[in-house]
Amino acid sequence: MADAPVETPPKKPLETVTPTPSGVTLGAAASPEQLANIGRVASELVKDGDTVGLGSGRAALSFVRELGTRVKDGLTIVGVPTSIKTADLATELGIPLATLETVESIDIAVDGADEVAPGMALIKGGGGNMLREKIVESIAKRLVILVGEEKVVPHLGTNFPVFVEVVEFGRATVERALKGLGATEVTQRMRDGAAFLTDDGNPYLHAVFPVAILEDPLTLDTQLRAIPGVVGTGIFVGMATEVFIAKLDGSVEHRTA
């Protein structure tokens, strides 16, 4: 179900950007001003006393900055970060943090996504933090996704591969298994000439699957997670409760599940 667009002042149009951390170059992306706008909208959803999941990536960090302003103004919350970078920013802004050792449930989590398909199926993980994001967001009562219009796609796999976090010992075995499930291309993410490692010290694979396979993302995710050596995937199905979209014309569209 789609709600009426949220009334917002005009913003700058989407801007051309350099490649994302995953190496994918999109023709346009939401400007910092637009991300700050939807971050502000999302921050207003947080209530006094909430435990808040703090996502990773451009859109999520815009939310964290806006939330930091509200905390400075007297809002009392506790944040659970999904990456070291997010934790560092939250600490800098004075947002109190907790860990999963003390937090059993989260009232609201706010994060970005690389792709949002019909039914709010998501591909996440372009920034390299999907495992921690999925763990935190799995215990959230409400998961709010913030994206620019360029991230809304007709089907998963339109612009991004499926991201798969693995343990190094089993990486080669996982690569072969991914191809056995129908992946047409499997590559390892590199950074500055070396293997990219997540905050948990694990390598990252990019798996390109045909559209026909991604039409059933839940089944594919189940198959991927059953491969020994896989510790997480970037397929998020049945988790998002709503999406705020920064539109090309500067407005914000709100979609609910």
Protein backbone atom coordinates (compact mmCIF):
# COMPACT_ATOMS: atom_id res chain seq x y z
CA MET A 1 0.00 0.00 0.00
CA ALA A 2 1.39 3.44 -0.91
CA ASP A 3 0.70 6.44 1.30
CA ALA A 4 0.32 9.96 -0.01
CA PRO A 5 3.65 11.71 -0.63
CA VAL A 6 5.07 13.51 2.39
CA GLU A 7 5.03 17.27 1.84
CA THR A 8 8.60 18.55 1.65
CA PRO A 9 10.28 21.63 0.22
CA PRO A 10 11.93 21.23 -3.19
CA LYS A 11 15.38 19.75 -3.10
CA LYS A 12 18.21 19.50 -5.58
CA PRO A 13 17.73 16.83 -8.28
CA LEU A 14 19.53 13.52 -8.05
CA GLU A 15 23.21 13.90 -8.87
CA THR A 16 25.65 11.77 -10.84
CA VAL A 17 27.99 9.89 -8.51
CA THR A 18 31.18 7.85 -8.54
CA PRO A 19 31.03 4.08 -8.07
CA THR A 20 29.51 2.79 -4.84
CA PRO A 21 31.69 0.81 -2.39
CA SER A 22 30.55 -2.34 -4.18
CA GLY A 23 31.89 -1.04 -7.49
CA VAL A 24 28.47 -0.41 -9.06
CA THR A 25 28.06 2.98 -10.74
CA LEU A 26 24.52 4.34 -10.85
CA GLY A 27 23.52 7.08 -13.25
CA ALA A 28 22.28 9.28 -10.43
CA ALA A 29 21.93 9.21 -6.67
CA ALA A 30 20.21 11.22 -3.99
CA SER A 31 22.12 14.35 -3.03
CA PRO A 32 23.38 14.89 0.53
CA GLU A 33 20.56 17.41 0.99
CA GLN A 34 17.92 14.90 -0.05
CA LEU A 35 19.37 12.23 2.24
CA ALA A 36 19.40 14.71 5.11
CA ASN A 37 15.75 15.41 4.36
CA ILE A 38 14.60 11.79 4.54
CA GLY A 39 16.92 11.26 7.51
CA ARG A 40 15.11 14.09 9.27
CA VAL A 41 11.72 12.58 8.42
CA ALA A 42 12.81 9.20 9.81
CA SER A 43 14.30 10.73 12.96
CA GLU A 44 10.89 12.17 13.83
CA LEU A 45 9.55 8.60 14.04
CA VAL A 46 11.78 7.90 17.04
CA LYS A 47 10.08 8.34 20.41
CA ASP A 48 11.53 9.10 23.81
CA GLY A 49 12.74 5.89 25.44
CA ASP A 50 13.16 3.95 22.19
CA THR A 51 15.94 1.50 21.49
CA VAL A 52 17.03 2.34 17.94
CA GLY A 53 18.90 0.27 15.36
CA LEU A 54 21.40 2.52 13.61
CA GLY A 55 22.07 1.44 10.03
CA SER A 56 25.11 1.93 7.81
CA GLY A 57 25.68 3.76 4.54
CA ARG A 58 24.93 7.25 3.22
CA ALA A 59 21.22 7.36 3.94
CA ALA A 60 21.48 5.71 7.35
CA LEU A 61 24.29 8.00 8.46
CA SER A 62 22.14 11.00 7.48
CA PHE A 63 19.51 9.62 9.84
CA VAL A 64 22.10 9.17 12.59
CA ARG A 65 23.16 12.80 12.22
CA GLU A 66 19.56 14.00 12.47
CA LEU A 67 18.98 11.72 15.45
CA GLY A 68 22.07 13.19 17.09
CA THR A 69 20.50 16.63 16.84
CA ARG A 70 17.35 15.38 18.57
CA VAL A 71 19.43 13.76 21.32
CA LYS A 72 21.27 17.04 21.83
CA ASP A 73 17.86 18.69 22.18
CA GLY A 74 16.85 16.26 24.94
CA LEU A 75 15.58 13.06 23.30
CA THR A 76 16.40 10.03 25.45
CA ILE A 77 17.19 6.91 23.40
CA VAL A 78 19.70 4.09 23.15
CA GLY A 79 21.26 3.17 19.82
CA VAL A 80 22.52 -0.17 18.55
CA PRO A 81 24.97 0.41 15.67
CA THR A 82 25.41 -1.94 12.72
CA SER A 83 28.99 -1.01 11.89
CA ILE A 84 32.13 0.42 13.42
CA LYS A 85 31.75 3.57 11.30
CA THR A 86 28.19 4.08 12.53
CA ALA A 87 29.25 3.51 16.14
CA ASP A 88 32.03 6.08 15.78
CA LEU A 89 29.66 8.70 14.35
CA ALA A 90 27.01 8.04 17.01
CA THR A 91 29.59 8.38 19.77
CA GLU A 92 30.83 11.63 18.26
CA LEU A 93 27.24 12.94 18.25
CA GLY A 94 26.61 11.94 21.86
CA ILE A 95 24.12 9.15 21.13
CA PRO A 96 24.22 6.55 23.95
CA LEU A 97 25.00 3.07 22.62
CA ALA A 98 24.24 -0.47 23.74
CA THR A 99 25.23 -3.92 22.50
CA LEU A 100 23.22 -7.05 21.77
CA GLU A 101 24.43 -8.47 25.07
CA THR A 102 21.99 -6.14 26.83
CA VAL A 103 19.40 -5.46 24.11
CA GLU A 104 16.80 -8.16 23.37
CA SER A 105 14.55 -6.16 21.04
CA ILE A 106 14.67 -2.93 19.09
CA ASP A 107 11.75 -0.52 18.79
CA ILE A 108 12.75 0.94 15.43
CA ALA A 109 15.68 0.41 13.08
CA VAL A 110 16.53 2.76 10.23
CA ASP A 111 18.82 1.78 7.37
CA GLY A 112 19.42 2.16 3.66
CA ALA A 113 19.31 -0.39 0.82
CA ASP A 114 20.92 -0.94 -2.55
CA GLU A 115 17.71 -2.14 -4.19
CA VAL A 116 14.04 -2.03 -3.19
CA ALA A 117 11.82 -4.31 -5.27
CA PRO A 118 8.05 -4.83 -5.17
CA GLY A 119 6.90 -6.28 -1.85
CA MET A 120 9.81 -4.49 -0.14
CA ALA A 121 12.27 -7.23 -0.98
CA LEU A 122 15.73 -5.74 -0.56
CA ILE A 123 19.30 -6.19 -1.63
CA LYS A 124 21.61 -4.74 0.98
CA GLY A 125 25.30 -4.99 1.67
CA GLY A 126 26.88 -2.65 -0.85
CA GLY A 127 28.68 -0.91 1.98
CA GLY A 128 29.95 -4.16 3.44
CA ASN A 129 27.92 -4.29 6.66
CA MET A 130 24.99 -6.56 5.81
CA LEU A 131 25.61 -9.27 8.41
CA ARG A 132 25.53 -6.89 11.37
CA GLU A 133 22.60 -5.05 9.76
CA LYS A 134 20.59 -8.24 9.40
CA ILE A 135 21.32 -9.35 12.97
CA VAL A 136 20.25 -6.02 14.47
CA GLU A 137 17.24 -5.59 12.19
CA SER A 138 16.00 -9.14 12.78
CA ILE A 139 14.99 -8.10 16.31
CA ALA A 140 13.45 -4.76 15.28
CA LYS A 141 9.71 -4.25 15.65
CA ARG A 142 9.84 -1.68 12.86
CA LEU A 143 12.39 -1.46 10.03
CA VAL A 144 12.41 1.79 8.08
CA ILE A 145 14.39 1.91 4.84
CA LEU A 146 15.67 5.19 3.37
CA VAL A 147 16.64 5.34 -0.33
CA GLY A 148 16.94 7.63 -3.28
CA GLU A 149 14.62 6.97 -6.20
CA GLU A 150 17.48 5.31 -8.11
CA LYS A 151 17.38 2.40 -5.65
CA VAL A 152 13.77 1.45 -6.49
CA VAL A 153 13.85 -1.36 -9.06
CA PRO A 154 11.37 -3.67 -10.84
CA HIS A 155 13.15 -6.77 -9.55
CA LEU A 156 16.15 -7.65 -7.41
CA GLY A 157 19.41 -7.88 -9.30
CA THR A 158 18.61 -4.96 -11.60
CA ASN A 159 21.79 -3.05 -10.73
CA PHE A 160 23.50 -4.93 -7.92
CA PRO A 161 24.75 -8.47 -7.36
CA VAL A 162 23.76 -10.54 -4.36
CA PHE A 163 26.36 -9.96 -1.66
CA VAL A 164 27.56 -13.02 0.24
CA GLU A 165 29.79 -12.86 3.33
CA VAL A 166 31.89 -15.98 3.84
CA VAL A 167 34.69 -17.37 5.98
CA GLU A 168 38.02 -17.39 4.16
CA PHE A 169 38.62 -21.12 4.72
CA GLY A 170 35.55 -22.01 2.69
CA ARG A 171 35.60 -19.21 0.12
CA ALA A 172 36.55 -21.36 -2.88
CA THR A 173 33.97 -23.99 -1.97
CA VAL A 174 31.29 -21.32 -1.61
CA GLU A 175 32.19 -19.82 -5.00
CA ARG A 176 31.66 -23.20 -6.67
CA ALA A 177 28.40 -23.73 -4.80
CA LEU A 178 27.09 -20.33 -5.90
CA LYS A 179 27.72 -21.23 -9.52
CA GLY A 180 26.00 -24.55 -8.89
CA LEU A 181 22.90 -22.59 -7.78
CA GLY A 182 22.90 -20.68 -11.05
CA ALA A 183 25.15 -17.68 -10.47
CA THR A 184 26.52 -16.52 -13.83
CA GLU A 185 29.40 -14.61 -12.24
CA VAL A 186 31.06 -14.74 -8.83
CA THR A 187 33.80 -12.30 -7.84
CA GLN A 188 35.53 -11.35 -4.61
CA ARG A 189 35.35 -7.74 -3.49
CA MET A 190 38.73 -6.04 -3.46
CA ARG A 191 39.87 -2.77 -1.95
CA ASP A 192 43.15 -1.06 -2.80
CA GLY A 193 44.49 -4.24 -4.37
CA ALA A 194 43.70 -6.45 -1.38
CA ALA A 195 40.71 -8.56 -0.39
CA PHE A 196 38.00 -6.47 1.26
CA LEU A 197 37.20 -7.65 4.79
CA THR A 198 34.09 -6.82 6.79
CA ASP A 199 34.07 -5.45 10.34
CA ASP A 200 34.06 -9.10 11.43
CA GLY A 201 37.14 -9.92 9.32
CA ASN A 202 35.33 -11.91 6.63
CA PRO A 203 35.74 -11.71 2.82
CA TYR A 204 32.85 -10.71 0.58
CA LEU A 205 31.60 -12.28 -2.65
CA HIS A 206 29.46 -10.69 -5.37
CA ALA A 207 27.16 -13.20 -7.07
CA VAL A 208 25.19 -12.31 -10.20
CA PHE A 209 22.02 -14.39 -10.64
CA PRO A 210 19.54 -14.49 -13.54
CA VAL A 211 16.27 -12.64 -13.05
CA ALA A 212 14.33 -15.92 -13.05
CA ILE A 213 16.18 -17.10 -9.95
CA LEU A 214 15.80 -13.78 -8.13
CA GLU A 215 12.05 -13.80 -8.73
CA ASP A 216 11.95 -16.04 -5.64
CA PRO A 217 14.44 -14.30 -3.35
CA LEU A 218 13.34 -16.10 -0.20
CA THR A 219 14.13 -19.52 -1.69
CA LEU A 220 17.47 -18.29 -3.01
CA ASP A 221 18.37 -16.80 0.37
CA THR A 222 17.52 -20.09 2.09
CA GLN A 223 19.70 -21.99 -0.38
CA LEU A 224 22.60 -19.58 0.05
CA ARG A 225 22.53 -19.68 3.84
CA ALA A 226 22.57 -23.49 3.72
CA ILE A 227 26.01 -23.51 2.04
CA PRO A 228 28.72 -24.31 4.61
CA GLY A 229 31.00 -21.30 4.87
CA VAL A 230 28.33 -18.67 4.19
CA VAL A 231 27.78 -16.41 7.18
CA GLY A 232 25.35 -13.93 5.66
CA THR A 233 23.62 -12.73 2.49
CA GLY A 234 22.39 -9.39 1.24
CA ILE A 235 18.85 -10.62 0.53
CA PHE A 236 16.40 -9.12 3.02
CA VAL A 237 12.85 -10.42 2.59
CA GLY A 238 9.89 -9.83 4.90
CA MET A 239 11.86 -7.47 7.13
CA ALA A 240 11.16 -3.90 5.99
CA THR A 241 7.94 -2.37 7.27
CA GLU A 242 8.16 0.90 5.33
CA VAL A 243 10.29 2.83 2.87
CA PHE A 244 10.93 6.55 2.45
CA ILE A 245 12.02 7.43 -1.09
CA ALA A 246 13.75 10.68 -2.10
CA LYS A 247 12.11 11.39 -5.46
CA LEU A 248 13.64 13.11 -8.49
CA ASP A 249 11.30 16.09 -8.07
CA GLY A 250 12.46 16.68 -4.49
CA SER A 251 9.42 15.19 -2.76
CA VAL A 252 9.47 12.20 -0.41
CA GLU A 253 7.30 9.15 -1.05
CA HIS A 254 6.28 6.92 1.88
CA ARG A 255 5.44 3.27 1.20
CA THR A 256 4.24 0.80 3.79
CA ALA A 257 4.09 -2.99 3.66
